[in-house]
Amino acid sequence: MKVVVTGGAGFIGAHLCRALQASGVEQVVAFDDLLTGHEANLEGVDAELIVGSILDDDVLRRAVDGASSIVHLAARPSVPRSIADPVASHLANASGTVSVLEAARTASVGHVVVASSSSVYGANPALPKREDLCPMPVSPYAASKLAAESYALAWQRSFGLKVLAFRFFNVFGPLQAAGHAYAAVVPAFVSAALEGSPLPVHGDGTQTRDFTYVGTVAGVLTATAVGQVAHDGPVNLAFGSRISLLELIERLELVLGHTVERQHQPTRAGDVRDSQADDRLLRSLFPDVEPVPLDDGLAETVAWFRTLS
């Protein structure tokens, strides 16, 4: 079996390549342009790295030839980054997804997993977030991800391509980069705490998120690719563990064994106030999944960051 992971040298992609290899997949291909991914993330993984852009049709189609499944993770992440350059986000996330779907169709791959985002719920205030809620994107990033999942589901209905479009919530864990303007909240907090700097809290910190450890996500994605699991609508990939950023800091302090200073900053444009997944559909498709607890995931993340110093 051959599985191609676009964005395979990135944070989630590299974890997935490891999980696929551990599951017994014979051929794992990491396809990545290395703009945000890093070859070092794949150290020790028996995966073929193909450097290229998902917008380069010829290279992409050669990479997916003979694959049983594609897990499409390549994207231009970050809400703030999309505010700064919305067209680039559209090209990478929406147009790029069409390129991957067409490559799969042309090469008769048959199964594609697409990474969408909880950000598509946007201004819809209902909690928890059910897949049948009306999407109300409030950022170009969210709109591009809604387009990506919509294209995937349309390709499934139009061309018979088996698809599963996952809505990722706040995925965190080792290999997730910090130290840049668009860093996600967990690596930003952990990095600052280990440096002895104040933790950058946008807004009052009472906004809530549903955090999911990357190992759990990689496990679900592996089961999806290996089992050729498909669904006729989007599926949340999170487990309803809603906590505020202030609570997250308290949990991090317990892992670190000391208190940390907070530095409140202005709320960012495009940020969603509250997020929490309804996980009933996910659990119906994957009844055996057991998510890694938040505290265990934070401990693994802190341990990894400490290896960098």
C-alpha atoms as a PDB file:
ATOM      1  CA  MET A   1       0.000   0.000   0.000  1.00  0.00           C
ATOM      2  CA  LYS A   2       1.238   3.483  -0.887  1.00  0.00           C
ATOM      3  CA  VAL A   3       0.035   6.552   0.997  1.00  0.00           C
ATOM      4  CA  VAL A   4       1.010  10.086  -0.014  1.00  0.00           C
ATOM      5  CA  VAL A   5       0.979  12.806   2.647  1.00  0.00           C
ATOM      6  CA  THR A   6       0.949  16.339   1.275  1.00  0.00           C
ATOM      7  CA  GLY A   7       2.595  18.632   3.800  1.00  0.00           C
ATOM      8  CA  GLY A   8       4.373  15.495   4.941  1.00  0.00           C
ATOM      9  CA  ALA A   9       7.389  17.321   6.374  1.00  0.00           C
ATOM     10  CA  GLY A  10       5.213  19.636   8.434  1.00  0.00           C
ATOM     11  CA  PHE A  11       4.082  19.394  12.049  1.00  0.00           C
ATOM     12  CA  ILE A  12       1.109  17.051  11.638  1.00  0.00           C
ATOM     13  CA  GLY A  13       2.417  15.472   8.444  1.00  0.00           C
ATOM     14  CA  ALA A  14       5.638  14.202   9.978  1.00  0.00           C
ATOM     15  CA  HIS A  15       3.746  12.626  12.878  1.00  0.00           C
ATOM     16  CA  LEU A  16       1.406  11.010  10.379  1.00  0.00           C
ATOM     17  CA  CYS A  17       4.278   9.601   8.320  1.00  0.00           C
ATOM     18  CA  ARG A  18       5.620   7.961  11.483  1.00  0.00           C
ATOM     19  CA  ALA A  19       2.207   6.570  12.371  1.00  0.00           C
ATOM     20  CA  LEU A  20       1.661   5.205   8.861  1.00  0.00           C
ATOM     21  CA  GLN A  21       5.037   3.489   8.916  1.00  0.00           C
ATOM     22  CA  ALA A  22       4.323   2.021  12.360  1.00  0.00           C
ATOM     23  CA  SER A  23       0.975   0.707  11.111  1.00  0.00           C
ATOM     24  CA  GLY A  24       2.715  -1.343   8.421  1.00  0.00           C
ATOM     25  CA  VAL A  25       2.093   0.825   5.340  1.00  0.00           C
ATOM     26  CA  GLU A  26       4.683  -0.346   2.825  1.00  0.00           C
ATOM     27  CA  GLN A  27       5.335   2.953   1.035  1.00  0.00           C
ATOM     28  CA  VAL A  28       4.937   6.374   2.636  1.00  0.00           C
ATOM     29  CA  VAL A  29       5.577   9.471   0.513  1.00  0.00           C
ATOM     30  CA  ALA A  30       5.945  12.909   2.098  1.00  0.00           C
ATOM     31  CA  PHE A  31       5.193  15.605  -0.486  1.00  0.00           C
ATOM     32  CA  ASP A  32       6.204  19.064   0.733  1.00  0.00           C
ATOM     33  CA  ASP A  33       7.490  22.374  -0.614  1.00  0.00           C
ATOM     34  CA  LEU A  34       9.488  22.903   2.626  1.00  0.00           C
ATOM     35  CA  LEU A  35       8.268  26.481   3.021  1.00  0.00           C
ATOM     36  CA  THR A  36       6.923  25.723   6.505  1.00  0.00           C
ATOM     37  CA  GLY A  37       7.859  22.043   6.762  1.00  0.00           C
ATOM     38  CA  HIS A  38      11.350  20.775   7.521  1.00  0.00           C
ATOM     39  CA  GLU A  39      13.225  17.722   6.290  1.00  0.00           C
ATOM     40  CA  ALA A  40      14.564  17.258   9.837  1.00  0.00           C
ATOM     41  CA  ASN A  41      11.004  16.505  11.020  1.00  0.00           C
ATOM     42  CA  LEU A  42      11.224  13.221   9.108  1.00  0.00           C
ATOM     43  CA  GLU A  43      14.459  12.087  10.726  1.00  0.00           C
ATOM     44  CA  GLY A  44      14.267   8.378  11.448  1.00  0.00           C
ATOM     45  CA  VAL A  45      11.175   7.888   9.288  1.00  0.00           C
ATOM     46  CA  ASP A  46      11.299   5.513   6.345  1.00  0.00           C
ATOM     47  CA  ALA A  47       9.426   7.855   4.027  1.00  0.00           C
ATOM     48  CA  GLU A  48      10.313   9.169   0.590  1.00  0.00           C
ATOM     49  CA  LEU A  49      10.461  12.963   0.563  1.00  0.00           C
ATOM     50  CA  ILE A  50       9.413  14.627  -2.690  1.00  0.00           C
ATOM     51  CA  VAL A  51       9.986  18.382  -2.668  1.00  0.00           C
ATOM     52  CA  GLY A  52       7.396  20.222  -4.695  1.00  0.00           C
ATOM     53  CA  SER A  53       4.314  22.410  -4.672  1.00  0.00           C
ATOM     54  CA  ILE A  54       0.753  21.095  -4.770  1.00  0.00           C
ATOM     55  CA  LEU A  55       0.169  23.797  -7.409  1.00  0.00           C
ATOM     56  CA  ASP A  56       2.692  22.072  -9.713  1.00  0.00           C
ATOM     57  CA  ASP A  57       0.400  19.570 -11.427  1.00  0.00           C
ATOM     58  CA  ASP A  58       3.100  17.534 -13.169  1.00  0.00           C
ATOM     59  CA  VAL A  59       5.198  16.934 -10.047  1.00  0.00           C
ATOM     60  CA  LEU A  60       2.132  16.242  -7.926  1.00  0.00           C
ATOM     61  CA  ARG A  61       0.673  13.703 -10.342  1.00  0.00           C
ATOM     62  CA  ARG A  62       3.960  11.826 -10.568  1.00  0.00           C
ATOM     63  CA  ALA A  63       4.098  11.711  -6.757  1.00  0.00           C
ATOM     64  CA  VAL A  64       0.600  10.260  -6.318  1.00  0.00           C
ATOM     65  CA  ASP A  65       0.874   7.714  -9.126  1.00  0.00           C
ATOM     66  CA  GLY A  66       0.120   4.262  -7.746  1.00  0.00           C
ATOM     67  CA  ALA A  67      -1.086   5.536  -4.373  1.00  0.00           C
ATOM     68  CA  SER A  68      -3.999   3.930  -2.552  1.00  0.00           C
ATOM     69  CA  SER A  69      -4.741   7.058  -0.537  1.00  0.00           C
ATOM     70  CA  ILE A  70      -3.691  10.699  -0.255  1.00  0.00           C
ATOM     71  CA  VAL A  71      -3.813  12.553   3.056  1.00  0.00           C
ATOM     72  CA  HIS A  72      -3.910  16.207   2.076  1.00  0.00           C
ATOM     73  CA  LEU A  73      -2.421  18.344   4.855  1.00  0.00           C
ATOM     74  CA  ALA A  74      -0.490  20.883   2.780  1.00  0.00           C
ATOM     75  CA  ALA A  75      -1.839  24.364   3.452  1.00  0.00           C
ATOM     76  CA  ARG A  76      -0.991  27.936   4.271  1.00  0.00           C
ATOM     77  CA  PRO A  77      -1.933  27.885   7.956  1.00  0.00           C
ATOM     78  CA  SER A  78      -2.897  30.651  10.379  1.00  0.00           C
ATOM     79  CA  VAL A  79      -5.774  33.108  10.557  1.00  0.00           C
ATOM     80  CA  PRO A  80      -3.454  36.136  11.042  1.00  0.00           C
ATOM     81  CA  ARG A  81      -1.359  35.090   8.045  1.00  0.00           C
ATOM     82  CA  SER A  82      -4.511  34.999   5.907  1.00  0.00           C
ATOM     83  CA  ILE A  83      -5.465  38.485   7.096  1.00  0.00           C
ATOM     84  CA  ALA A  84      -2.057  39.700   5.945  1.00  0.00           C
ATOM     85  CA  ASP A  85      -2.265  37.969   2.542  1.00  0.00           C
ATOM     86  CA  PRO A  86      -5.701  36.517   1.744  1.00  0.00           C
ATOM     87  CA  VAL A  87      -4.943  35.678  -1.896  1.00  0.00           C
ATOM     88  CA  ALA A  88      -1.984  33.489  -0.949  1.00  0.00           C
ATOM     89  CA  SER A  89      -4.177  31.595   1.516  1.00  0.00           C
ATOM     90  CA  HIS A  90      -6.820  31.034  -1.145  1.00  0.00           C
ATOM     91  CA  LEU A  91      -4.288  29.753  -3.676  1.00  0.00           C
ATOM     92  CA  ALA A  92      -2.650  27.322  -1.266  1.00  0.00           C
ATOM     93  CA  ASN A  93      -5.744  26.106   0.549  1.00  0.00           C
ATOM     94  CA  ALA A  94      -8.557  26.227  -2.000  1.00  0.00           C
ATOM     95  CA  SER A  95      -6.831  26.032  -5.389  1.00  0.00           C
ATOM     96  CA  GLY A  96      -4.239  23.659  -3.939  1.00  0.00           C
ATOM     97  CA  THR A  97      -6.959  21.272  -2.785  1.00  0.00           C
ATOM     98  CA  VAL A  98      -8.499  21.235  -6.265  1.00  0.00           C
ATOM     99  CA  SER A  99      -5.062  20.347  -7.646  1.00  0.00           C
ATOM    100  CA  VAL A 100      -4.765  17.426  -5.223  1.00  0.00           C
ATOM    101  CA  LEU A 101      -8.279  16.170  -5.984  1.00  0.00           C
ATOM    102  CA  GLU A 102      -7.638  16.336  -9.731  1.00  0.00           C
ATOM    103  CA  ALA A 103      -4.298  14.567  -9.315  1.00  0.00           C
ATOM    104  CA  ALA A 104      -6.079  11.806  -7.428  1.00  0.00           C
ATOM    105  CA  ARG A 105      -8.793  11.544 -10.083  1.00  0.00           C
ATOM    106  CA  THR A 106      -6.333  11.525 -12.969  1.00  0.00           C
ATOM    107  CA  ALA A 107      -4.147   8.888 -11.305  1.00  0.00           C
ATOM    108  CA  SER A 108      -7.156   6.802 -10.177  1.00  0.00           C
ATOM    109  CA  VAL A 109      -6.066   7.008  -6.541  1.00  0.00           C
ATOM    110  CA  GLY A 110      -9.604   6.537  -5.222  1.00  0.00           C
ATOM    111  CA  HIS A 111      -9.359   7.904  -1.663  1.00  0.00           C
ATOM    112  CA  VAL A 112      -8.414  11.331  -0.314  1.00  0.00           C
ATOM    113  CA  VAL A 113      -8.412  12.689   3.236  1.00  0.00           C
ATOM    114  CA  VAL A 114      -8.677  16.489   3.373  1.00  0.00           C
ATOM    115  CA  ALA A 115      -7.776  18.686   6.339  1.00  0.00           C
ATOM    116  CA  SER A 116     -10.359  21.384   6.968  1.00  0.00           C
ATOM    117  CA  SER A 117     -10.642  23.495  10.119  1.00  0.00           C
ATOM    118  CA  SER A 118     -12.971  24.319  12.991  1.00  0.00           C
ATOM    119  CA  SER A 119     -12.531  27.941  11.918  1.00  0.00           C
ATOM    120  CA  VAL A 120     -15.242  27.367   9.305  1.00  0.00           C
ATOM    121  CA  TYR A 121     -17.863  27.625  12.087  1.00  0.00           C
ATOM    122  CA  GLY A 122     -16.682  31.191  12.639  1.00  0.00           C
ATOM    123  CA  ALA A 123     -19.381  33.519  13.950  1.00  0.00           C
ATOM    124  CA  ASN A 124     -21.923  30.743  14.531  1.00  0.00           C
ATOM    125  CA  PRO A 125     -22.340  30.919  18.332  1.00  0.00           C
ATOM    126  CA  ALA A 126     -23.762  27.419  18.905  1.00  0.00           C
ATOM    127  CA  LEU A 127     -21.767  25.083  21.172  1.00  0.00           C
ATOM    128  CA  PRO A 128     -20.684  22.403  20.784  1.00  0.00           C
ATOM    129  CA  LYS A 129     -19.940  22.731  17.099  1.00  0.00           C
ATOM    130  CA  ARG A 130     -21.957  20.158  15.159  1.00  0.00           C
ATOM    131  CA  GLU A 131     -21.105  19.346  11.579  1.00  0.00           C
ATOM    132  CA  ASP A 132     -24.622  20.306  10.456  1.00  0.00           C
ATOM    133  CA  LEU A 133     -24.330  23.885  11.762  1.00  0.00           C
ATOM    134  CA  CYS A 134     -24.254  26.685   9.215  1.00  0.00           C
ATOM    135  CA  PRO A 135     -20.611  27.682   8.563  1.00  0.00           C
ATOM    136  CA  MET A 136     -19.965  31.398   9.118  1.00  0.00           C
ATOM    137  CA  PRO A 137     -16.267  32.055   8.343  1.00  0.00           C
ATOM    138  CA  VAL A 138     -14.811  35.275   9.756  1.00  0.00           C
ATOM    139  CA  SER A 139     -11.345  35.114   8.154  1.00  0.00           C
ATOM    140  CA  PRO A 140      -9.910  34.400   4.704  1.00  0.00           C
ATOM    141  CA  TYR A 141      -8.247  31.295   6.184  1.00  0.00           C
ATOM    142  CA  ALA A 142     -11.605  29.934   7.345  1.00  0.00           C
ATOM    143  CA  ALA A 143     -13.202  30.688   3.981  1.00  0.00           C
ATOM    144  CA  SER A 144     -10.375  28.915   2.149  1.00  0.00           C
ATOM    145  CA  LYS A 145     -10.775  25.836   4.349  1.00  0.00           C
ATOM    146  CA  LEU A 146     -14.537  25.786   3.815  1.00  0.00           C
ATOM    147  CA  ALA A 147     -13.867  25.917   0.071  1.00  0.00           C
ATOM    148  CA  ALA A 148     -11.361  23.050   0.396  1.00  0.00           C
ATOM    149  CA  GLU A 149     -13.768  20.712   2.163  1.00  0.00           C
ATOM    150  CA  SER A 150     -16.596  21.712  -0.196  1.00  0.00           C
ATOM    151  CA  TYR A 151     -14.476  20.870  -3.223  1.00  0.00           C
ATOM    152  CA  ALA A 152     -13.544  17.504  -1.715  1.00  0.00           C
ATOM    153  CA  LEU A 153     -17.157  16.577  -1.035  1.00  0.00           C
ATOM    154  CA  ALA A 154     -18.175  17.773  -4.515  1.00  0.00           C
ATOM    155  CA  TRP A 155     -15.483  15.578  -6.104  1.00  0.00           C
ATOM    156  CA  GLN A 156     -16.854  12.650  -4.100  1.00  0.00           C
ATOM    157  CA  ARG A 157     -20.386  13.221  -5.386  1.00  0.00           C
ATOM    158  CA  SER A 158     -19.391  14.115  -8.952  1.00  0.00           C
ATOM    159  CA  PHE A 159     -16.631  11.623  -9.639  1.00  0.00           C
ATOM    160  CA  GLY A 160     -17.029   8.834  -7.066  1.00  0.00           C
ATOM    161  CA  LEU A 161     -13.747   9.704  -5.346  1.00  0.00           C
ATOM    162  CA  LYS A 162     -13.934   8.468  -1.758  1.00  0.00           C
ATOM    163  CA  VAL A 163     -13.308  11.389   0.586  1.00  0.00           C
ATOM    164  CA  LEU A 164     -13.181  12.212   4.270  1.00  0.00           C
ATOM    165  CA  ALA A 165     -12.960  15.905   5.137  1.00  0.00           C
ATOM    166  CA  PHE A 166     -11.839  16.411   8.731  1.00  0.00           C
ATOM    167  CA  ARG A 167     -12.348  19.662  10.605  1.00  0.00           C
ATOM    168  CA  PHE A 168      -9.259  19.974  12.789  1.00  0.00           C
ATOM    169  CA  PHE A 169      -9.610  21.987  15.972  1.00  0.00           C
ATOM    170  CA  ASN A 170      -6.530  23.146  17.963  1.00  0.00           C
ATOM    171  CA  VAL A 171      -3.928  20.482  17.262  1.00  0.00           C
ATOM    172  CA  PHE A 172      -0.747  20.708  19.345  1.00  0.00           C
ATOM    173  CA  GLY A 173       2.352  18.713  20.209  1.00  0.00           C
ATOM    174  CA  PRO A 174       6.042  18.181  19.414  1.00  0.00           C
ATOM    175  CA  LEU A 175       7.402  19.597  16.133  1.00  0.00           C
ATOM    176  CA  GLN A 176       4.941  22.512  16.192  1.00  0.00           C
ATOM    177  CA  ALA A 177       7.001  25.621  15.594  1.00  0.00           C
ATOM    178  CA  ALA A 178       7.132  28.671  17.838  1.00  0.00           C
ATOM    179  CA  GLY A 179       9.142  31.864  17.593  1.00  0.00           C
ATOM    180  CA  HIS A 180       7.276  33.482  14.707  1.00  0.00           C
ATOM    181  CA  ALA A 181       4.405  35.913  14.377  1.00  0.00           C
ATOM    182  CA  TYR A 182       1.895  33.231  13.387  1.00  0.00           C
ATOM    183  CA  ALA A 183       2.715  30.609  16.019  1.00  0.00           C
ATOM    184  CA  ALA A 184      -0.204  28.627  17.445  1.00  0.00           C
ATOM    185  CA  VAL A 185      -1.115  29.222  21.075  1.00  0.00           C
ATOM    186  CA  VAL A 186       0.378  26.108  22.720  1.00  0.00           C
ATOM    187  CA  PRO A 187       3.881  26.375  21.215  1.00  0.00           C
ATOM    188  CA  ALA A 188       3.820  30.140  21.794  1.00  0.00           C
ATOM    189  CA  PHE A 189       2.966  29.595  25.476  1.00  0.00           C
ATOM    190  CA  VAL A 190       5.435  26.751  26.020  1.00  0.00           C
ATOM    191  CA  SER A 191       8.300  28.534  24.274  1.00  0.00           C
ATOM    192  CA  ALA A 192       7.743  31.731  26.241  1.00  0.00           C
ATOM    193  CA  ALA A 193       7.437  29.880  29.537  1.00  0.00           C
ATOM    194  CA  LEU A 194      10.710  28.003  29.022  1.00  0.00           C
ATOM    195  CA  GLU A 195      12.460  31.241  28.047  1.00  0.00           C
ATOM    196  CA  GLY A 196      11.143  32.961  31.169  1.00  0.00           C
ATOM    197  CA  SER A 197       9.182  35.460  29.079  1.00  0.00           C
ATOM    198  CA  PRO A 198       5.557  36.530  29.657  1.00  0.00           C
ATOM    199  CA  LEU A 199       2.993  34.401  27.849  1.00  0.00           C
ATOM    200  CA  PRO A 200       1.322  36.377  25.026  1.00  0.00           C
ATOM    201  CA  VAL A 201      -2.438  36.240  25.672  1.00  0.00           C
ATOM    202  CA  HIS A 202      -4.581  37.870  22.997  1.00  0.00           C
ATOM    203  CA  GLY A 203      -7.657  39.347  24.623  1.00  0.00           C
ATOM    204  CA  ASP A 204      -8.738  38.574  28.185  1.00  0.00           C
ATOM    205  CA  GLY A 205      -7.882  34.873  27.977  1.00  0.00           C
ATOM    206  CA  THR A 206     -11.402  33.635  28.680  1.00  0.00           C
ATOM    207  CA  GLN A 207     -11.886  32.574  25.055  1.00  0.00           C
ATOM    208  CA  THR A 208     -12.152  28.794  24.791  1.00  0.00           C
ATOM    209  CA  ARG A 209     -10.602  26.170  22.554  1.00  0.00           C
ATOM    210  CA  ASP A 210     -10.793  22.402  22.025  1.00  0.00           C
ATOM    211  CA  PHE A 211      -7.206  21.131  22.073  1.00  0.00           C
ATOM    212  CA  THR A 212      -6.266  17.826  20.433  1.00  0.00           C
ATOM    213  CA  TYR A 213      -2.871  16.149  20.799  1.00  0.00           C
ATOM    214  CA  VAL A 214      -1.120  15.506  17.499  1.00  0.00           C
ATOM    215  CA  GLY A 215      -0.574  11.819  18.285  1.00  0.00           C
ATOM    216  CA  THR A 216      -4.327  11.327  18.494  1.00  0.00           C
ATOM    217  CA  VAL A 217      -4.841  13.131  15.199  1.00  0.00           C
ATOM    218  CA  ALA A 218      -2.145  11.054  13.483  1.00  0.00           C
ATOM    219  CA  GLY A 219      -3.768   7.880  14.761  1.00  0.00           C
ATOM    220  CA  VAL A 220      -7.188   8.814  13.373  1.00  0.00           C
ATOM    221  CA  LEU A 221      -5.691   9.880  10.034  1.00  0.00           C
ATOM    222  CA  THR A 222      -3.806   6.596   9.788  1.00  0.00           C
ATOM    223  CA  ALA A 223      -6.966   4.582  10.459  1.00  0.00           C
ATOM    224  CA  THR A 224      -8.756   6.661   7.822  1.00  0.00           C
ATOM    225  CA  ALA A 225      -6.129   6.153   5.119  1.00  0.00           C
ATOM    226  CA  VAL A 226      -5.516   2.466   5.800  1.00  0.00           C
ATOM    227  CA  GLY A 227      -9.215   1.680   6.128  1.00  0.00           C
ATOM    228  CA  GLN A 228     -10.240   3.894   3.175  1.00  0.00           C
ATOM    229  CA  VAL A 229     -12.869   5.507   5.406  1.00  0.00           C
ATOM    230  CA  ALA A 230     -15.166   8.003   3.675  1.00  0.00           C
ATOM    231  CA  HIS A 231     -18.173  10.088   4.671  1.00  0.00           C
ATOM    232  CA  ASP A 232     -20.687  12.236   2.821  1.00  0.00           C
ATOM    233  CA  GLY A 233     -20.105  15.318   4.991  1.00  0.00           C
ATOM    234  CA  PRO A 234     -17.389  16.974   7.079  1.00  0.00           C
ATOM    235  CA  VAL A 235     -16.292  15.342  10.350  1.00  0.00           C
ATOM    236  CA  ASN A 236     -14.956  17.095  13.454  1.00  0.00           C
ATOM    237  CA  LEU A 237     -11.591  15.765  14.615  1.00  0.00           C
ATOM    238  CA  ALA A 238     -11.639  16.756  18.285  1.00  0.00           C
ATOM    239  CA  PHE A 239     -13.256  15.476  21.453  1.00  0.00           C
ATOM    240  CA  GLY A 240     -15.153  18.291  23.127  1.00  0.00           C
ATOM    241  CA  SER A 241     -12.522  19.160  25.747  1.00  0.00           C
ATOM    242  CA  ARG A 242     -13.261  22.889  25.861  1.00  0.00           C
ATOM    243  CA  ILE A 243     -11.062  25.019  28.131  1.00  0.00           C
ATOM    244  CA  SER A 244     -10.166  28.705  28.259  1.00  0.00           C
ATOM    245  CA  LEU A 245      -6.695  30.017  27.541  1.00  0.00           C
ATOM    246  CA  LEU A 246      -6.366  31.010  31.197  1.00  0.00           C
ATOM    247  CA  GLU A 247      -7.189  27.428  32.191  1.00  0.00           C
ATOM    248  CA  LEU A 248      -4.653  26.192  29.662  1.00  0.00           C
ATOM    249  CA  ILE A 249      -2.009  28.347  31.334  1.00  0.00           C
ATOM    250  CA  GLU A 250      -2.911  26.863  34.716  1.00  0.00           C
ATOM    251  CA  ARG A 251      -2.533  23.346  33.322  1.00  0.00           C
ATOM    252  CA  LEU A 252       0.805  24.309  31.788  1.00  0.00           C
ATOM    253  CA  GLU A 253       1.974  25.698  35.129  1.00  0.00           C
ATOM    254  CA  LEU A 254       1.268  22.311  36.723  1.00  0.00           C
ATOM    255  CA  VAL A 255       3.391  20.595  34.073  1.00  0.00           C
ATOM    256  CA  LEU A 256       6.204  23.129  34.497  1.00  0.00           C
ATOM    257  CA  GLY A 257       6.025  23.137  38.287  1.00  0.00           C
ATOM    258  CA  HIS A 258       5.976  26.935  38.568  1.00  0.00           C
ATOM    259  CA  THR A 259       3.802  29.925  37.774  1.00  0.00           C
ATOM    260  CA  VAL A 260       4.262  32.035  34.655  1.00  0.00           C
ATOM    261  CA  GLU A 261       3.658  35.672  33.867  1.00  0.00           C
ATOM    262  CA  ARG A 262       0.929  36.690  31.416  1.00  0.00           C
ATOM    263  CA  GLN A 263       1.041  39.607  28.994  1.00  0.00           C
ATOM    264  CA  HIS A 264      -2.358  40.528  27.577  1.00  0.00           C
ATOM    265  CA  GLN A 265      -2.426  41.858  24.037  1.00  0.00           C
ATOM    266  CA  PRO A 266      -5.190  43.109  21.722  1.00  0.00           C
ATOM    267  CA  THR A 267      -7.623  40.586  20.308  1.00  0.00           C
ATOM    268  CA  ARG A 268      -6.628  39.515  16.796  1.00  0.00           C
ATOM    269  CA  ALA A 269      -8.839  40.070  13.770  1.00  0.00           C
ATOM    270  CA  GLY A 270     -10.494  36.876  12.567  1.00  0.00           C
ATOM    271  CA  ASP A 271     -10.149  34.992  15.863  1.00  0.00           C
ATOM    272  CA  VAL A 272     -13.139  32.940  16.985  1.00  0.00           C
ATOM    273  CA  ARG A 273     -14.366  33.540  20.531  1.00  0.00           C
ATOM    274  CA  ASP A 274     -15.267  29.962  21.539  1.00  0.00           C
ATOM    275  CA  SER A 275     -14.725  26.543  20.065  1.00  0.00           C
ATOM    276  CA  GLN A 276     -15.786  23.057  21.124  1.00  0.00           C
ATOM    277  CA  ALA A 277     -16.348  19.976  19.002  1.00  0.00           C
ATOM    278  CA  ASP A 278     -19.329  17.689  19.040  1.00  0.00           C
ATOM    279  CA  ASP A 279     -17.493  14.368  18.695  1.00  0.00           C
ATOM    280  CA  ARG A 280     -20.420  11.987  18.200  1.00  0.00           C
ATOM    281  CA  LEU A 281     -19.910  11.549  14.462  1.00  0.00           C
ATOM    282  CA  LEU A 282     -16.172  11.034  14.888  1.00  0.00           C
ATOM    283  CA  ARG A 283     -16.708   8.365  17.531  1.00  0.00           C
ATOM    284  CA  SER A 284     -19.320   6.606  15.401  1.00  0.00           C
ATOM    285  CA  LEU A 285     -16.768   6.286  12.594  1.00  0.00           C
ATOM    286  CA  PHE A 286     -13.838   5.471  14.901  1.00  0.00           C
ATOM    287  CA  PRO A 287     -15.322   3.820  18.020  1.00  0.00           C
ATOM    288  CA  ASP A 288     -11.955   2.589  19.296  1.00  0.00           C
ATOM    289  CA  VAL A 289     -10.191   5.956  19.369  1.00  0.00           C
ATOM    290  CA  GLU A 290      -8.940   7.094  22.784  1.00  0.00           C
ATOM    291  CA  PRO A 291      -7.621  10.665  22.784  1.00  0.00           C
ATOM    292  CA  VAL A 292      -4.410  11.504  24.631  1.00  0.00           C
ATOM    293  CA  PRO A 293      -5.372  13.582  27.713  1.00  0.00           C
ATOM    294  CA  LEU A 294      -4.495  17.276  27.559  1.00  0.00           C
ATOM    295  CA  ASP A 295      -2.083  17.144  30.511  1.00  0.00           C
ATOM    296  CA  ASP A 296      -0.182  14.210  28.995  1.00  0.00           C
ATOM    297  CA  GLY A 297       0.037  16.013  25.664  1.00  0.00           C
ATOM    298  CA  LEU A 298       1.304  19.185  27.328  1.00  0.00           C
ATOM    299  CA  ALA A 299       3.951  17.177  29.174  1.00  0.00           C
ATOM    300  CA  GLU A 300       5.149  15.619  25.896  1.00  0.00           C
ATOM    301  CA  THR A 301       5.215  19.027  24.247  1.00  0.00           C
ATOM    302  CA  VAL A 302       7.196  20.637  27.047  1.00  0.00           C
ATOM    303  CA  ALA A 303       9.654  17.707  27.026  1.00  0.00           C
ATOM    304  CA  TRP A 304      10.207  18.165  23.294  1.00  0.00           C
ATOM    305  CA  PHE A 305      10.748  21.916  23.606  1.00  0.00           C
ATOM    306  CA  ARG A 306      13.327  21.272  26.319  1.00  0.00           C
ATOM    307  CA  THR A 307      15.353  19.167  23.872  1.00  0.00           C
ATOM    308  CA  LEU A 308      15.739  22.257  21.672  1.00  0.00           C
ATOM    309  CA  SER A 309      17.623  24.283  24.269  1.00  0.00           C
END
